[in-house]
Amino acid sequence: MVGEYDAHCFSGSGYFYDQVLEYRVWCHPERGAEDIYQGDDYFYAFATFAEALAYSQQTAGAETPLVLIRQYEYINEPSPGVFEHCHGDRITEWQPQWLAGSKREPDSIARFLQQPPI
């Protein structure tokens, strides 16, 4: 389903992910990207980070890649240091480096809530 997900989604947060859906490269006409949507920003979707990175490096006005993830359970932080275990299907964009060590396991959230980051 790469390229089939809505452009509007959450951004960041949740601490854990369940699935990687696609990698996105956002393009900005005001920064030199081709203007194909009357000045609006747009993205191209890729199946792999390597493809997305190569495209972003060779395209004027392109950002570095983001990763679109799905979360079935995640952590909400409504205020600094207050954490809530949430359930529900949520799609959000992350920085690709956040994937390392963040794949949700059955006890990931319980362990996090016992010792949240400082």
Protein backbone atom coordinates (compact mmCIF):
# COMPACT_ATOMS: atom_id res chain seq x y z
CA MET A 1 0.00 0.00 0.00
CA VAL A 2 2.99 2.31 -0.35
CA GLY A 3 1.71 5.65 -1.60
CA GLU A 4 -1.91 4.95 -0.62
CA TYR A 5 -1.85 6.55 2.86
CA ASP A 6 -3.35 9.96 3.56
CA ALA A 7 -0.95 12.91 3.67
CA HIS A 8 -2.64 14.12 6.86
CA CYS A 9 -1.50 12.15 9.90
CA PHE A 10 0.03 12.59 13.32
CA SER A 11 3.62 13.73 13.61
CA GLY A 12 6.02 12.06 16.03
CA SER A 13 5.20 10.73 19.49
CA GLY A 14 4.11 7.40 20.87
CA TYR A 15 7.57 6.01 21.73
CA PHE A 16 6.83 2.63 20.05
CA TYR A 17 5.72 1.45 16.62
CA ASP A 18 4.05 -1.69 15.33
CA GLN A 19 4.52 -1.44 11.54
CA VAL A 20 6.57 0.56 9.07
CA LEU A 21 4.21 1.53 6.25
CA GLU A 22 6.35 3.64 3.92
CA TYR A 23 9.08 6.26 3.71
CA ARG A 24 8.13 9.76 2.60
CA VAL A 25 10.06 12.58 1.02
CA TRP A 26 8.25 15.90 1.29
CA CYS A 27 8.91 18.42 -1.50
CA HIS A 28 8.57 22.18 -1.16
CA PRO A 29 8.16 24.37 -4.27
CA GLU A 30 9.21 27.46 -2.30
CA ARG A 31 12.57 25.71 -1.75
CA GLY A 32 13.05 24.73 -5.38
CA ALA A 33 10.96 21.57 -5.86
CA GLU A 34 8.90 21.29 -9.02
CA ASP A 35 5.61 23.16 -8.58
CA ILE A 36 3.01 20.55 -9.52
CA TYR A 37 0.24 21.44 -7.02
CA GLN A 38 -0.05 25.24 -7.38
CA GLY A 39 2.49 25.99 -4.66
CA ASP A 40 1.38 23.29 -2.20
CA ASP A 41 3.86 20.90 -0.61
CA TYR A 42 3.62 17.23 -1.62
CA PHE A 43 5.42 13.95 -0.97
CA TYR A 44 6.63 10.87 -2.78
CA ALA A 45 6.34 7.51 -1.03
CA PHE A 46 8.94 4.76 -1.13
CA ALA A 47 9.10 1.17 0.11
CA THR A 48 12.63 1.52 1.49
CA PHE A 49 14.67 4.14 3.28
CA ALA A 50 17.49 3.74 0.75
CA GLU A 51 15.17 4.67 -2.15
CA ALA A 52 13.76 7.64 -0.24
CA LEU A 53 17.20 8.89 0.76
CA ALA A 54 18.54 8.66 -2.80
CA TYR A 55 15.55 10.62 -4.10
CA SER A 56 15.85 13.30 -1.41
CA GLN A 57 19.55 13.77 -2.11
CA GLN A 58 19.05 14.32 -5.83
CA THR A 59 15.88 16.45 -5.73
CA ALA A 60 15.85 20.21 -5.24
CA GLY A 61 13.48 21.34 -2.50
CA ALA A 62 13.19 17.88 -0.95
CA GLU A 63 13.41 17.14 2.78
CA THR A 64 15.27 14.21 4.27
CA PRO A 65 13.03 11.12 4.45
CA LEU A 66 10.44 10.51 7.14
CA VAL A 67 8.97 7.12 7.99
CA LEU A 68 5.23 6.52 8.20
CA ILE A 69 4.39 4.06 10.97
CA ARG A 70 1.30 2.40 12.43
CA GLN A 71 0.77 2.14 16.18
CA TYR A 72 -1.82 -0.16 17.78
CA GLU A 73 -0.67 0.78 21.27
CA TYR A 74 1.36 3.84 22.14
CA ILE A 75 2.26 6.26 24.90
CA ASN A 76 0.64 9.66 25.10
CA GLU A 77 2.33 12.45 27.06
CA PRO A 78 -0.43 15.04 27.67
CA SER A 79 1.92 17.10 29.82
CA PRO A 80 5.65 16.82 30.54
CA GLY A 81 6.39 13.66 32.53
CA VAL A 82 2.77 12.43 32.49
CA PHE A 83 2.44 9.24 30.44
CA GLU A 84 -0.68 7.36 29.37
CA HIS A 85 -0.92 3.91 27.78
CA CYS A 86 -3.26 4.30 24.78
CA HIS A 87 -4.89 1.74 22.50
CA GLY A 88 -6.13 2.42 18.99
CA ASP A 89 -4.98 2.38 15.41
CA ARG A 90 -2.87 5.49 14.77
CA ILE A 91 -0.66 6.45 11.84
CA THR A 92 2.13 8.97 12.35
CA GLU A 93 5.30 10.25 10.71
CA TRP A 94 8.57 9.71 12.54
CA GLN A 95 12.23 10.47 12.04
CA PRO A 96 13.75 7.21 10.71
CA GLN A 97 16.38 7.14 13.46
CA TRP A 98 13.58 6.73 16.04
CA LEU A 99 12.90 3.21 14.71
CA ALA A 100 16.01 1.73 16.35
CA GLY A 101 14.96 -0.06 19.53
CA SER A 102 11.35 1.16 19.30
CA LYS A 103 9.53 -1.84 17.82
CA ARG A 104 6.75 -2.57 20.32
CA GLU A 105 6.97 -5.91 22.09
CA PRO A 106 4.18 -7.28 24.34
CA ASP A 107 5.73 -5.75 27.49
CA SER A 108 7.41 -2.64 26.02
CA ILE A 109 4.87 -0.14 27.28
CA ALA A 110 4.53 -1.68 30.74
CA ARG A 111 8.33 -1.60 31.13
CA PHE A 112 8.45 2.01 29.93
CA LEU A 113 5.75 3.10 32.37
CA GLN A 114 7.65 1.50 35.26
CA GLN A 115 10.75 3.55 34.47
CA PRO A 116 9.86 6.51 32.18
CA PRO A 117 12.70 8.65 30.80
CA ILE A 118 13.89 11.56 32.86
